[in-house]
């Protein structure tokens, strides 16, 4: 992963899907945020309720910090961001899941000839006490944005994506990555209320070159009692991953968004091809006593073309390398106390990805986690 580290060191770190629109120079904008408090995790080790292994429940302390600095100098735009977090569990059997996470991003853009040209980067690094799911990933890419009036934007980005899965180097990859995003903004005025709708369509394609070997499947198997008998090919694993995402959002008396994603991955290695679908919704509404309710839900379904990896995915081994690969429901209550401080209460439930084999109608569910968080938060924006 030397190539990944060098590129990330040169470019900084996070891809911004939406580039800022060219505008006149403005004062620097600094944003800071933080959250701290106790949390209960009913399945700290992400263990399915199968196989006889215990499900460990534990309290923990969660700390999250973040910040960004945006500068505008003539036609040039610069944004630097950092985020970090830590989870420290209280039960000894759960201490192996202690985790520290770092995330950084950088964006530079210049408006020339009616276009916004940009260079952006993203870096994410997770460290666990016992390395089971931690990974390091980064993206560096060039982009160009075209604005049609003030309502429509098209952005094309091309670059490099690298991933290092620390427990199993065979899942490390280097990739060429491209993304096209088209967004449209609509507004309307009804009496004193301004309503804004946004719709977007995003297509992402990635050619991934893995460190691991590709595998094939012998048919029929040498012995009748064998159902899976894969063999190593004389080639490295290579995947072509495509993702289409459609999203819509509304901001008025309340805020709401919905999205649908379809991911198709084709691999030269037996068991690694799949089709994944995700649908989600999020809304925020003001309740009473200045309390705001935010609810976010996502349902994800994957179908693997070959059965080889199904049991491994169900038990969250080998291929569990992304933290967002979950069906989830999050309910958050928040209230501001003063200009910068607030209190938060959050309930979350996560269900590990539901999988279906291409040759079987039944679904296989993975682990289930419930989390309950109560804490304090801090926010600062120099523009406010």
Foldseek 3Di string as FASTA:
>chain_A
DVVQVVQCVVFPADDDPDDDDFDAWDPKKKKKKKWKFKKKKQALPQFFPDDPDDRDIWMKIKIKIKMKIWGDDGQKIKMKMKIKMWIATDDPVNRQATKIKIKIKIKMWGDDPQKIKIWIKIWIWMDGSHQFATKIKMWIWIKIWHDDPPFKIKMKIWTKIWMARPVDQQATKIKTKIKIKIKGKDWDDDPPKIKIKMKMKMKMKIKIFGPHFAKDFDPPDPDPVDDTDIDTDPGTKIKIKMKIKIKMWMDIQKTKMKMKMWMFMDMNHPFPTKIKIKIKMWIWHQDPPQKIKIKIWMAMEMETAHPPCVVVQQRCHDPNHDPPQWTKIKIKIKHADPDWKIKIKMKMKTWHYWYHYPVDDDIRTHGIMIMITIIMMTMDMPVD
